[in-house]
Amino acid sequence: MQMTTEKTVGEKIIQQVADETELDRDKAKTCIRSFVGAVIKQTEKHGNIDLSYILGAGAEAKQQMKPI
C-alpha cells in the first residue's frame, strides 16, 4: 500500500482561504464554517438559495468573525 501526501480538497480550500485572507489555518476554518452555516440557515429560512442569500450569508459570516 502506497502512502500519499496529497492534500484533501477541504485542506486545499482552507489553505487557499488562509493565503488569500492572511488568516492562520484555524481562523480560516472558522470563517469557512461560519459562511457555510450561514448559507444553510438562509436556505432553511427561504426554502431555496440564490445569489442574494449567499451574499447575505457572507455578511452574516463576516459579522460573526468580528473580534470581541
PDB file of N, CA and C in Angstrom:
ATOM      1  N   MET A   1       0.843  -1.186   0.000  1.00  0.00           N
ATOM      2  CA  MET A   1       0.000   0.000   0.000  1.00  0.00           C
ATOM      3  C   MET A   1       0.882   1.240   0.000  1.00  0.00           C
ATOM      4  N   GLN A   2       0.564   2.149  -0.903  1.00  0.00           N
ATOM      5  CA  GLN A   2       1.397   3.344  -1.060  1.00  0.00           C
ATOM      6  C   GLN A   2       0.794   4.515  -0.277  1.00  0.00           C
ATOM      7  N   MET A   3       1.617   5.182   0.510  1.00  0.00           N
ATOM      8  CA  MET A   3       1.165   6.352   1.270  1.00  0.00           C
ATOM      9  C   MET A   3       1.264   7.579   0.376  1.00  0.00           C
ATOM     10  N   THR A   4       0.307   8.483   0.531  1.00  0.00           N
ATOM     11  CA  THR A   4       0.320   9.702  -0.272  1.00  0.00           C
ATOM     12  C   THR A   4       0.292  10.922   0.644  1.00  0.00           C
ATOM     13  N   THR A   5       0.938  11.974   0.212  1.00  0.00           N
ATOM     14  CA  THR A   5       0.950  13.217   0.984  1.00  0.00           C
ATOM     15  C   THR A   5       0.042  14.253   0.338  1.00  0.00           C
ATOM     16  N   GLU A   6      -0.777  13.813  -0.605  1.00  0.00           N
ATOM     17  CA  GLU A   6      -1.670  14.714  -1.299  1.00  0.00           C
ATOM     18  C   GLU A   6      -2.712  15.275  -0.326  1.00  0.00           C
ATOM     19  N   LYS A   7      -2.999  16.566  -0.439  1.00  0.00           N
ATOM     20  CA  LYS A   7      -3.983  17.203   0.425  1.00  0.00           C
ATOM     21  C   LYS A   7      -5.392  16.909  -0.069  1.00  0.00           C
ATOM     22  N   THR A   8      -6.322  16.847   0.879  1.00  0.00           N
ATOM     23  CA  THR A   8      -7.723  16.696   0.505  1.00  0.00           C
ATOM     24  C   THR A   8      -8.232  18.010  -0.070  1.00  0.00           C
ATOM     25  N   VAL A   9      -9.381  17.941  -0.725  1.00  0.00           N
ATOM     26  CA  VAL A   9      -9.984  19.153  -1.287  1.00  0.00           C
ATOM     27  C   VAL A   9     -10.242  20.171  -0.175  1.00  0.00           C
ATOM     28  N   GLY A  10     -10.756  19.691   0.959  1.00  0.00           N
ATOM     29  CA  GLY A  10     -11.025  20.584   2.084  1.00  0.00           C
ATOM     30  C   GLY A  10      -9.774  21.285   2.582  1.00  0.00           C
ATOM     31  N   GLU A  11      -8.681  20.539   2.693  1.00  0.00           N
ATOM     32  CA  GLU A  11      -7.422  21.139   3.140  1.00  0.00           C
ATOM     33  C   GLU A  11      -6.932  22.176   2.146  1.00  0.00           C
ATOM     34  N   LYS A  12      -7.115  21.906   0.852  1.00  0.00           N
ATOM     35  CA  LYS A  12      -6.707  22.871  -0.175  1.00  0.00           C
ATOM     36  C   LYS A  12      -7.527  24.152  -0.076  1.00  0.00           C
ATOM     37  N   ILE A  13      -8.832  24.001   0.161  1.00  0.00           N
ATOM     38  CA  ILE A  13      -9.698  25.176   0.288  1.00  0.00           C
ATOM     39  C   ILE A  13      -9.301  25.987   1.518  1.00  0.00           C
ATOM     40  N   ILE A  14      -9.081  25.316   2.638  1.00  0.00           N
ATOM     41  CA  ILE A  14      -8.668  26.004   3.863  1.00  0.00           C
ATOM     42  C   ILE A  14      -7.370  26.767   3.624  1.00  0.00           C
ATOM     43  N   GLN A  15      -6.400  26.122   2.981  1.00  0.00           N
ATOM     44  CA  GLN A  15      -5.122  26.775   2.720  1.00  0.00           C
ATOM     45  C   GLN A  15      -5.290  27.976   1.797  1.00  0.00           C
ATOM     46  N   GLN A  16      -6.144  27.839   0.780  1.00  0.00           N
ATOM     47  CA  GLN A  16      -6.364  28.950  -0.152  1.00  0.00           C
ATOM     48  C   GLN A  16      -7.017  30.131   0.565  1.00  0.00           C
ATOM     49  N   VAL A  17      -8.021  29.864   1.404  1.00  0.00           N
ATOM     50  CA  VAL A  17      -8.662  30.942   2.164  1.00  0.00           C
ATOM     51  C   VAL A  17      -7.646  31.583   3.104  1.00  0.00           C
ATOM     52  N   ALA A  18      -6.847  30.775   3.765  1.00  0.00           N
ATOM     53  CA  ALA A  18      -5.821  31.302   4.670  1.00  0.00           C
ATOM     54  C   ALA A  18      -4.839  32.186   3.910  1.00  0.00           C
ATOM     55  N   ASP A  19      -4.405  31.741   2.750  1.00  0.00           N
ATOM     56  CA  ASP A  19      -3.441  32.516   1.960  1.00  0.00           C
ATOM     57  C   ASP A  19      -4.041  33.830   1.468  1.00  0.00           C
ATOM     58  N   GLU A  20      -5.273  33.761   0.969  1.00  0.00           N
ATOM     59  CA  GLU A  20      -5.896  34.949   0.376  1.00  0.00           C
ATOM     60  C   GLU A  20      -6.339  35.968   1.415  1.00  0.00           C
ATOM     61  N   THR A  21      -6.648  35.523   2.625  1.00  0.00           N
ATOM     62  CA  THR A  21      -7.134  36.442   3.658  1.00  0.00           C
ATOM     63  C   THR A  21      -6.054  36.772   4.693  1.00  0.00           C
ATOM     64  N   GLU A  22      -4.916  36.126   4.581  1.00  0.00           N
ATOM     65  CA  GLU A  22      -3.815  36.291   5.524  1.00  0.00           C
ATOM     66  C   GLU A  22      -4.218  35.902   6.947  1.00  0.00           C
ATOM     67  N   LEU A  23      -5.146  34.930   7.038  1.00  0.00           N
ATOM     68  CA  LEU A  23      -5.534  34.368   8.327  1.00  0.00           C
ATOM     69  C   LEU A  23      -4.734  33.096   8.558  1.00  0.00           C
ATOM     70  N   ASP A  24      -4.598  32.697   9.833  1.00  0.00           N
ATOM     71  CA  ASP A  24      -3.985  31.389  10.062  1.00  0.00           C
ATOM     72  C   ASP A  24      -5.021  30.315   9.730  1.00  0.00           C
ATOM     73  N   ARG A  25      -4.589  29.083   9.641  1.00  0.00           N
ATOM     74  CA  ARG A  25      -5.467  27.995   9.185  1.00  0.00           C
ATOM     75  C   ARG A  25      -6.683  27.811  10.100  1.00  0.00           C
ATOM     76  N   ASP A  26      -6.517  27.956  11.415  1.00  0.00           N
ATOM     77  CA  ASP A  26      -7.656  27.788  12.324  1.00  0.00           C
ATOM     78  C   ASP A  26      -8.709  28.868  12.106  1.00  0.00           C
ATOM     79  N   LYS A  27      -8.274  30.113  11.917  1.00  0.00           N
ATOM     80  CA  LYS A  27      -9.221  31.194  11.663  1.00  0.00           C
ATOM     81  C   LYS A  27      -9.872  31.031  10.292  1.00  0.00           C
ATOM     82  N   ALA A  28      -9.128  30.526   9.322  1.00  0.00           N
ATOM     83  CA  ALA A  28      -9.699  30.268   8.000  1.00  0.00           C
ATOM     84  C   ALA A  28     -10.788  29.201   8.102  1.00  0.00           C
ATOM     85  N   LYS A  29     -10.544  28.141   8.891  1.00  0.00           N
ATOM     86  CA  LYS A  29     -11.560  27.092   9.095  1.00  0.00           C
ATOM     87  C   LYS A  29     -12.813  27.685   9.728  1.00  0.00           C
ATOM     88  N   THR A  30     -12.629  28.533  10.733  1.00  0.00           N
ATOM     89  CA  THR A  30     -13.758  29.163  11.412  1.00  0.00           C
ATOM     90  C   THR A  30     -14.554  30.031  10.445  1.00  0.00           C
ATOM     91  N   CYS A  31     -13.860  30.772   9.613  1.00  0.00           N
ATOM     92  CA  CYS A  31     -14.505  31.626   8.621  1.00  0.00           C
ATOM     93  C   CYS A  31     -15.332  30.788   7.655  1.00  0.00           C
ATOM     94  N   ILE A  32     -14.762  29.707   7.156  1.00  0.00           N
ATOM     95  CA  ILE A  32     -15.468  28.822   6.217  1.00  0.00           C
ATOM     96  C   ILE A  32     -16.695  28.218   6.892  1.00  0.00           C
ATOM     97  N   ARG A  33     -16.532  27.744   8.124  1.00  0.00           N
ATOM     98  CA  ARG A  33     -17.665  27.160   8.849  1.00  0.00           C
ATOM     99  C   ARG A  33     -18.774  28.187   9.059  1.00  0.00           C
ATOM    100  N   SER A  34     -18.396  29.423   9.393  1.00  0.00           N
ATOM    101  CA  SER A  34     -19.393  30.483   9.595  1.00  0.00           C
ATOM    102  C   SER A  34     -20.165  30.746   8.309  1.00  0.00           C
ATOM    103  N   PHE A  35     -19.438  30.817   7.193  1.00  0.00           N
ATOM    104  CA  PHE A  35     -20.077  31.082   5.912  1.00  0.00           C
ATOM    105  C   PHE A  35     -21.015  29.943   5.514  1.00  0.00           C
ATOM    106  N   VAL A  36     -20.529  28.721   5.617  1.00  0.00           N
ATOM    107  CA  VAL A  36     -21.343  27.561   5.233  1.00  0.00           C
ATOM    108  C   VAL A  36     -22.572  27.459   6.145  1.00  0.00           C
ATOM    109  N   GLY A  37     -22.372  27.679   7.418  1.00  0.00           N
ATOM    110  CA  GLY A  37     -23.502  27.644   8.354  1.00  0.00           C
ATOM    111  C   GLY A  37     -24.532  28.713   8.030  1.00  0.00           C
ATOM    112  N   ALA A  38     -24.079  29.906   7.663  1.00  0.00           N
ATOM    113  CA  ALA A  38     -24.996  30.980   7.310  1.00  0.00           C
ATOM    114  C   ALA A  38     -25.743  30.666   6.018  1.00  0.00           C
ATOM    115  N   VAL A  39     -25.077  30.058   5.042  1.00  0.00           N
ATOM    116  CA  VAL A  39     -25.748  29.650   3.799  1.00  0.00           C
ATOM    117  C   VAL A  39     -26.833  28.627   4.115  1.00  0.00           C
ATOM    118  N   ILE A  40     -26.520  27.669   4.976  1.00  0.00           N
ATOM    119  CA  ILE A  40     -27.516  26.647   5.347  1.00  0.00           C
ATOM    120  C   ILE A  40     -28.709  27.296   6.043  1.00  0.00           C
ATOM    121  N   LYS A  41     -28.459  28.230   6.963  1.00  0.00           N
ATOM    122  CA  LYS A  41     -29.563  28.905   7.651  1.00  0.00           C
ATOM    123  C   LYS A  41     -30.426  29.682   6.661  1.00  0.00           C
ATOM    124  N   GLN A  42     -29.792  30.392   5.722  1.00  0.00           N
ATOM    125  CA  GLN A  42     -30.548  31.137   4.710  1.00  0.00           C
ATOM    126  C   GLN A  42     -31.398  30.195   3.869  1.00  0.00           C
ATOM    127  N   THR A  43     -30.831  29.055   3.494  1.00  0.00           N
ATOM    128  CA  THR A  43     -31.557  28.079   2.677  1.00  0.00           C
ATOM    129  C   THR A  43     -32.748  27.526   3.449  1.00  0.00           C
ATOM    130  N   GLU A  44     -32.539  27.189   4.722  1.00  0.00           N
ATOM    131  CA  GLU A  44     -33.635  26.657   5.534  1.00  0.00           C
ATOM    132  C   GLU A  44     -34.738  27.695   5.712  1.00  0.00           C
ATOM    133  N   LYS A  45     -34.357  28.944   5.876  1.00  0.00           N
ATOM    134  CA  LYS A  45     -35.314  30.014   6.104  1.00  0.00           C
ATOM    135  C   LYS A  45     -36.171  30.271   4.857  1.00  0.00           C
ATOM    136  N   HIS A  46     -35.573  30.214   3.671  1.00  0.00           N
ATOM    137  CA  HIS A  46     -36.261  30.603   2.446  1.00  0.00           C
ATOM    138  C   HIS A  46     -36.643  29.416   1.557  1.00  0.00           C
ATOM    139  N   GLY A  47     -36.157  28.229   1.867  1.00  0.00           N
ATOM    140  CA  GLY A  47     -36.527  27.048   1.112  1.00  0.00           C
ATOM    141  C   GLY A  47     -35.741  26.844  -0.170  1.00  0.00           C
ATOM    142  N   ASN A  48     -34.987  27.821  -0.585  1.00  0.00           N
ATOM    143  CA  ASN A  48     -34.126  27.687  -1.761  1.00  0.00           C
ATOM    144  C   ASN A  48     -32.957  28.658  -1.592  1.00  0.00           C
ATOM    145  N   ILE A  49     -32.103  28.714  -2.544  1.00  0.00           N
ATOM    146  CA  ILE A  49     -30.904  29.560  -2.421  1.00  0.00           C
ATOM    147  C   ILE A  49     -30.679  30.288  -3.730  1.00  0.00           C
ATOM    148  N   ASP A  50     -30.295  31.539  -3.635  1.00  0.00           N
ATOM    149  CA  ASP A  50     -29.862  32.280  -4.814  1.00  0.00           C
ATOM    150  C   ASP A  50     -28.748  33.237  -4.381  1.00  0.00           C
ATOM    151  N   LEU A  51     -28.257  34.017  -5.295  1.00  0.00           N
ATOM    152  CA  LEU A  51     -27.099  34.863  -5.011  1.00  0.00           C
ATOM    153  C   LEU A  51     -27.352  35.822  -3.850  1.00  0.00           C
ATOM    154  N   SER A  52     -28.544  36.379  -3.754  1.00  0.00           N
ATOM    155  CA  SER A  52     -28.816  37.317  -2.661  1.00  0.00           C
ATOM    156  C   SER A  52     -28.685  36.640  -1.299  1.00  0.00           C
ATOM    157  N   TYR A  53     -29.091  35.374  -1.213  1.00  0.00           N
ATOM    158  CA  TYR A  53     -28.957  34.652   0.053  1.00  0.00           C
ATOM    159  C   TYR A  53     -27.495  34.370   0.365  1.00  0.00           C
ATOM    160  N   ILE A  54     -26.716  34.051  -0.672  1.00  0.00           N
ATOM    161  CA  ILE A  54     -25.290  33.799  -0.464  1.00  0.00           C
ATOM    162  C   ILE A  54     -24.600  35.082   0.001  1.00  0.00           C
ATOM    163  N   LEU A  55     -24.953  36.213  -0.592  1.00  0.00           N
ATOM    164  CA  LEU A  55     -24.374  37.489  -0.159  1.00  0.00           C
ATOM    165  C   LEU A  55     -24.779  37.800   1.277  1.00  0.00           C
ATOM    166  N   GLY A  56     -26.030  37.514   1.617  1.00  0.00           N
ATOM    167  CA  GLY A  56     -26.485  37.705   2.992  1.00  0.00           C
ATOM    168  C   GLY A  56     -25.733  36.804   3.955  1.00  0.00           C
ATOM    169  N   ALA A  57     -25.473  35.570   3.526  1.00  0.00           N
ATOM    170  CA  ALA A  57     -24.721  34.634   4.357  1.00  0.00           C
ATOM    171  C   ALA A  57     -23.288  35.124   4.541  1.00  0.00           C
ATOM    172  N   GLY A  58     -22.711  35.675   3.488  1.00  0.00           N
ATOM    173  CA  GLY A  58     -21.354  36.223   3.585  1.00  0.00           C
ATOM    174  C   GLY A  58     -21.298  37.362   4.587  1.00  0.00           C
ATOM    175  N   ALA A  59     -22.302  38.233   4.558  1.00  0.00           N
ATOM    176  CA  ALA A  59     -22.353  39.351   5.505  1.00  0.00           C
ATOM    177  C   ALA A  59     -22.518  38.833   6.929  1.00  0.00           C
ATOM    178  N   GLU A  60     -23.360  37.810   7.091  1.00  0.00           N
ATOM    179  CA  GLU A  60     -23.569  37.224   8.418  1.00  0.00           C
ATOM    180  C   GLU A  60     -22.283  36.585   8.938  1.00  0.00           C
ATOM    181  N   ALA A  61     -21.587  35.857   8.064  1.00  0.00           N
ATOM    182  CA  ALA A  61     -20.333  35.213   8.458  1.00  0.00           C
ATOM    183  C   ALA A  61     -19.296  36.261   8.826  1.00  0.00           C
ATOM    184  N   LYS A  62     -19.231  37.337   8.052  1.00  0.00           N
ATOM    185  CA  LYS A  62     -18.268  38.406   8.336  1.00  0.00           C
ATOM    186  C   LYS A  62     -18.560  39.025   9.693  1.00  0.00           C
ATOM    187  N   GLN A  63     -19.838  39.224  10.000  1.00  0.00           N
ATOM    188  CA  GLN A  63     -20.218  39.791  11.291  1.00  0.00           C
ATOM    189  C   GLN A  63     -19.786  38.876  12.429  1.00  0.00           C
ATOM    190  N   GLN A  64     -19.913  37.571  12.246  1.00  0.00           N
ATOM    191  CA  GLN A  64     -19.519  36.617  13.282  1.00  0.00           C
ATOM    192  C   GLN A  64     -18.009  36.606  13.497  1.00  0.00           C
ATOM    193  N   MET A  65     -17.253  37.025  12.503  1.00  0.00           N
ATOM    194  CA  MET A  65     -15.797  36.986  12.595  1.00  0.00           C
ATOM    195  C   MET A  65     -15.211  38.236  13.256  1.00  0.00           C
ATOM    196  N   LYS A  66     -16.044  39.243  13.575  1.00  0.00           N
ATOM    197  CA  LYS A  66     -15.539  40.452  14.220  1.00  0.00           C
ATOM    198  C   LYS A  66     -14.940  40.105  15.571  1.00  0.00           C
ATOM    199  N   PRO A  67     -13.822  40.743  15.911  1.00  0.00           N
ATOM    200  CA  PRO A  67     -13.216  40.466  17.220  1.00  0.00           C
ATOM    201  C   PRO A  67     -14.123  40.937  18.353  1.00  0.00           C
ATOM    202  N   ILE A  68     -14.075  40.208  19.444  1.00  0.00           N
ATOM    203  CA  ILE A  68     -14.928  40.530  20.602  1.00  0.00           C
ATOM    204  C   ILE A  68     -14.252  41.588  21.438  1.00  0.00           C
TER     205      ILE A  68
END
